[in-house]
Amino acid sequence: MAVNDDELSAMAIEELDIACALPWPDMKSVTPWGDSFTGFAPSGREVEIERRYLWAHEPEGAIAVEVEVRDIGARTGAEAKALITAPR
């Protein structure tokens, strides 16, 4: 069964929620950092999941969290991004 764009998008959003759940001190300590791993789409197909924690240019001190889910070996897929600022 082929993984469709909706499935990849839903996975990217779900993985972004998980990536953003990291407490601020922990997130700050691992930035900049990224990893990728193989997972399974709900359809059962293998996909590659990539997470990135990067320092954002604006606002200063914020962290850009990016997640991409794509077919194994594909160059593009569905992407979800968030900008996390320090708690006040």
N, C-alpha and C. Protein backbone atom coordinates (compact mmCIF):
# COMPACT_ATOMS: atom_id res chain seq x y z
N MET A 1 0.85 -1.17 0.00
CA MET A 1 0.00 0.00 0.00
C MET A 1 0.90 1.24 0.00
N ALA A 2 0.62 2.18 -0.84
CA ALA A 2 1.44 3.38 -0.95
C ALA A 2 1.11 4.37 0.16
N VAL A 3 2.12 5.03 0.65
CA VAL A 3 1.93 6.08 1.63
C VAL A 3 1.55 7.34 0.86
N ASN A 4 0.45 7.97 1.21
CA ASN A 4 0.05 9.17 0.51
C ASN A 4 0.51 10.41 1.27
N ASP A 5 0.39 11.55 0.63
CA ASP A 5 0.85 12.80 1.24
C ASP A 5 0.11 13.10 2.54
N ASP A 6 -1.20 12.77 2.61
CA ASP A 6 -1.96 13.01 3.84
C ASP A 6 -1.40 12.20 5.00
N GLU A 7 -1.03 10.96 4.73
CA GLU A 7 -0.48 10.10 5.77
C GLU A 7 0.87 10.64 6.24
N LEU A 8 1.71 11.06 5.32
CA LEU A 8 3.01 11.62 5.69
C LEU A 8 2.84 12.91 6.47
N SER A 9 1.90 13.75 6.04
CA SER A 9 1.64 15.02 6.76
C SER A 9 1.16 14.76 8.18
N ALA A 10 0.25 13.82 8.34
CA ALA A 10 -0.26 13.50 9.67
C ALA A 10 0.86 12.97 10.56
N MET A 11 1.73 12.14 9.99
CA MET A 11 2.87 11.62 10.76
C MET A 11 3.82 12.75 11.15
N ALA A 12 4.07 13.68 10.23
CA ALA A 12 4.98 14.79 10.52
C ALA A 12 4.44 15.64 11.66
N ILE A 13 3.15 15.91 11.66
CA ILE A 13 2.54 16.72 12.72
C ILE A 13 2.61 15.97 14.05
N GLU A 14 2.34 14.68 14.04
CA GLU A 14 2.42 13.88 15.26
C GLU A 14 3.85 13.86 15.82
N GLU A 15 4.83 13.66 14.94
CA GLU A 15 6.23 13.65 15.38
C GLU A 15 6.67 15.03 15.86
N LEU A 16 6.14 16.10 15.25
CA LEU A 16 6.47 17.46 15.69
C LEU A 16 5.94 17.69 17.10
N ASP A 17 4.73 17.22 17.38
CA ASP A 17 4.18 17.35 18.73
C ASP A 17 5.08 16.66 19.75
N ILE A 18 5.58 15.50 19.41
CA ILE A 18 6.49 14.76 20.30
C ILE A 18 7.80 15.54 20.48
N ALA A 19 8.35 16.04 19.38
CA ALA A 19 9.62 16.78 19.43
C ALA A 19 9.49 18.06 20.25
N CYS A 20 8.33 18.71 20.16
CA CYS A 20 8.11 19.97 20.89
C CYS A 20 7.78 19.74 22.36
N ALA A 21 7.49 18.51 22.75
CA ALA A 21 7.16 18.21 24.15
C ALA A 21 8.39 18.17 25.05
N LEU A 22 9.57 18.21 24.45
CA LEU A 22 10.80 18.21 25.23
C LEU A 22 10.83 19.48 26.09
N PRO A 23 11.10 19.37 27.39
CA PRO A 23 11.16 20.58 28.24
C PRO A 23 12.21 21.56 27.71
N TRP A 24 11.95 22.85 27.89
CA TRP A 24 12.83 23.90 27.37
C TRP A 24 14.30 23.69 27.75
N PRO A 25 14.64 23.43 29.00
CA PRO A 25 16.06 23.25 29.34
C PRO A 25 16.71 22.11 28.55
N ASP A 26 15.97 21.02 28.37
CA ASP A 26 16.50 19.89 27.61
C ASP A 26 16.63 20.23 26.13
N MET A 27 15.61 20.91 25.60
CA MET A 27 15.65 21.30 24.19
C MET A 27 16.83 22.24 23.93
N LYS A 28 17.03 23.18 24.83
CA LYS A 28 18.13 24.13 24.69
C LYS A 28 19.48 23.43 24.75
N SER A 29 19.58 22.39 25.58
CA SER A 29 20.87 21.71 25.73
C SER A 29 21.24 20.85 24.52
N VAL A 30 20.25 20.44 23.72
CA VAL A 30 20.57 19.61 22.56
C VAL A 30 20.62 20.40 21.25
N THR A 31 20.32 21.69 21.29
CA THR A 31 20.33 22.52 20.08
C THR A 31 21.73 23.05 19.84
N PRO A 32 22.26 23.00 18.62
CA PRO A 32 21.70 22.42 17.40
C PRO A 32 21.95 20.92 17.36
N TRP A 33 20.95 20.20 16.87
CA TRP A 33 21.05 18.75 16.82
C TRP A 33 19.98 18.22 15.88
N GLY A 34 20.21 17.06 15.34
CA GLY A 34 19.22 16.41 14.50
C GLY A 34 19.48 14.92 14.46
N ASP A 35 18.46 14.18 14.11
CA ASP A 35 18.62 12.74 13.95
C ASP A 35 17.59 12.25 12.94
N SER A 36 17.81 11.07 12.46
CA SER A 36 16.83 10.44 11.58
C SER A 36 16.75 8.97 11.94
N PHE A 37 15.58 8.41 11.73
CA PHE A 37 15.38 7.00 12.05
C PHE A 37 14.28 6.45 11.16
N THR A 38 14.24 5.16 11.06
CA THR A 38 13.24 4.48 10.27
C THR A 38 12.04 4.16 11.15
N GLY A 39 10.86 4.42 10.62
CA GLY A 39 9.62 4.12 11.33
C GLY A 39 8.62 3.51 10.37
N PHE A 40 7.42 3.31 10.85
CA PHE A 40 6.38 2.72 10.03
C PHE A 40 5.17 3.64 9.98
N ALA A 41 4.69 3.87 8.77
CA ALA A 41 3.47 4.64 8.58
C ALA A 41 2.29 3.77 9.01
N PRO A 42 1.14 4.37 9.30
CA PRO A 42 -0.03 3.57 9.67
C PRO A 42 -0.38 2.50 8.63
N SER A 43 -0.03 2.75 7.38
CA SER A 43 -0.30 1.75 6.33
C SER A 43 0.66 0.57 6.40
N GLY A 44 1.71 0.68 7.25
CA GLY A 44 2.69 -0.39 7.39
C GLY A 44 3.96 -0.20 6.59
N ARG A 45 4.00 0.81 5.76
CA ARG A 45 5.17 1.06 4.92
C ARG A 45 6.28 1.73 5.74
N GLU A 46 7.52 1.36 5.44
CA GLU A 46 8.66 1.99 6.13
C GLU A 46 8.85 3.41 5.60
N VAL A 47 9.10 4.32 6.53
CA VAL A 47 9.39 5.71 6.19
C VAL A 47 10.59 6.17 7.00
N GLU A 48 11.22 7.24 6.57
CA GLU A 48 12.31 7.85 7.31
C GLU A 48 11.77 9.10 7.99
N ILE A 49 12.08 9.24 9.26
CA ILE A 49 11.65 10.38 10.06
C ILE A 49 12.90 11.15 10.47
N GLU A 50 12.92 12.43 10.17
CA GLU A 50 14.08 13.27 10.51
C GLU A 50 13.61 14.42 11.40
N ARG A 51 14.33 14.62 12.50
CA ARG A 51 14.05 15.72 13.44
C ARG A 51 15.26 16.63 13.50
N ARG A 52 14.99 17.94 13.58
CA ARG A 52 16.07 18.92 13.70
C ARG A 52 15.68 19.98 14.74
N TYR A 53 16.64 20.30 15.60
CA TYR A 53 16.51 21.41 16.55
C TYR A 53 17.58 22.42 16.16
N LEU A 54 17.16 23.60 15.72
CA LEU A 54 18.09 24.61 15.21
C LEU A 54 17.83 25.95 15.89
N TRP A 55 18.88 26.73 16.08
CA TRP A 55 18.69 28.08 16.61
C TRP A 55 17.99 28.92 15.55
N ALA A 56 16.95 29.63 15.94
CA ALA A 56 16.20 30.49 15.02
C ALA A 56 16.87 31.87 14.95
N HIS A 57 16.73 32.51 13.81
CA HIS A 57 17.26 33.87 13.65
C HIS A 57 16.35 34.88 14.33
N GLU A 58 15.07 34.67 14.26
CA GLU A 58 14.09 35.57 14.87
C GLU A 58 13.01 34.74 15.53
N PRO A 59 12.57 35.03 16.70
CA PRO A 59 13.22 35.92 17.64
C PRO A 59 14.50 35.30 18.18
N GLU A 60 15.40 36.15 18.56
CA GLU A 60 16.70 35.70 19.06
C GLU A 60 16.51 34.78 20.25
N GLY A 61 17.25 33.67 20.23
CA GLY A 61 17.19 32.70 21.33
C GLY A 61 16.11 31.65 21.18
N ALA A 62 15.27 31.78 20.15
CA ALA A 62 14.22 30.78 19.92
C ALA A 62 14.82 29.56 19.23
N ILE A 63 14.11 28.47 19.29
CA ILE A 63 14.55 27.22 18.66
C ILE A 63 13.54 26.83 17.59
N ALA A 64 14.03 26.57 16.39
CA ALA A 64 13.19 26.07 15.31
C ALA A 64 13.22 24.55 15.37
N VAL A 65 12.06 23.96 15.48
CA VAL A 65 11.95 22.50 15.50
C VAL A 65 11.34 22.09 14.16
N GLU A 66 12.03 21.20 13.47
CA GLU A 66 11.58 20.76 12.15
C GLU A 66 11.51 19.24 12.12
N VAL A 67 10.47 18.73 11.51
CA VAL A 67 10.31 17.28 11.35
C VAL A 67 9.94 17.02 9.89
N GLU A 68 10.58 16.03 9.31
CA GLU A 68 10.25 15.62 7.95
C GLU A 68 10.03 14.12 7.94
N VAL A 69 8.97 13.69 7.27
CA VAL A 69 8.66 12.27 7.11
C VAL A 69 8.62 12.00 5.61
N ARG A 70 9.39 11.01 5.17
CA ARG A 70 9.47 10.72 3.74
C ARG A 70 9.65 9.23 3.50
N ASP A 71 9.34 8.82 2.29
CA ASP A 71 9.59 7.44 1.89
C ASP A 71 11.09 7.17 1.98
N ILE A 72 11.49 5.96 2.30
CA ILE A 72 12.90 5.59 2.36
C ILE A 72 13.56 5.92 1.02
N GLY A 73 14.65 6.67 1.07
CA GLY A 73 15.40 7.01 -0.13
C GLY A 73 14.86 8.21 -0.89
N ALA A 74 13.70 8.74 -0.51
CA ALA A 74 13.15 9.92 -1.20
C ALA A 74 13.84 11.17 -0.68
N ARG A 75 13.91 12.16 -1.53
CA ARG A 75 14.55 13.43 -1.14
C ARG A 75 13.57 14.37 -0.45
N THR A 76 12.30 14.25 -0.74
CA THR A 76 11.31 15.13 -0.14
C THR A 76 10.17 14.33 0.45
N GLY A 77 9.45 14.95 1.34
CA GLY A 77 8.31 14.32 1.98
C GLY A 77 7.46 15.40 2.61
N ALA A 78 6.74 15.06 3.63
CA ALA A 78 5.92 16.02 4.36
C ALA A 78 6.76 16.61 5.48
N GLU A 79 6.59 17.91 5.70
CA GLU A 79 7.39 18.59 6.71
C GLU A 79 6.48 19.38 7.63
N ALA A 80 6.84 19.45 8.89
CA ALA A 80 6.12 20.25 9.88
C ALA A 80 7.17 21.01 10.68
N LYS A 81 6.87 22.27 11.00
CA LYS A 81 7.83 23.11 11.72
C LYS A 81 7.15 23.86 12.84
N ALA A 82 7.92 24.18 13.87
CA ALA A 82 7.44 24.98 14.98
C ALA A 82 8.57 25.88 15.46
N LEU A 83 8.22 27.00 16.03
CA LEU A 83 9.19 27.92 16.62
C LEU A 83 8.89 27.98 18.11
N ILE A 84 9.86 27.58 18.92
CA ILE A 84 9.69 27.50 20.37
C ILE A 84 10.52 28.62 21.01
N THR A 85 9.89 29.40 21.87
CA THR A 85 10.61 30.45 22.59
C THR A 85 10.71 30.05 24.06
N ALA A 86 11.66 30.65 24.72
CA ALA A 86 11.89 30.35 26.13
C ALA A 86 10.67 30.74 26.97
N PRO A 87 10.32 29.92 27.94
CA PRO A 87 9.21 30.29 28.82
C PRO A 87 9.57 31.54 29.61
N ARG A 88 8.58 32.32 29.89
CA ARG A 88 8.82 33.59 30.65
C ARG A 88 8.44 33.42 32.08
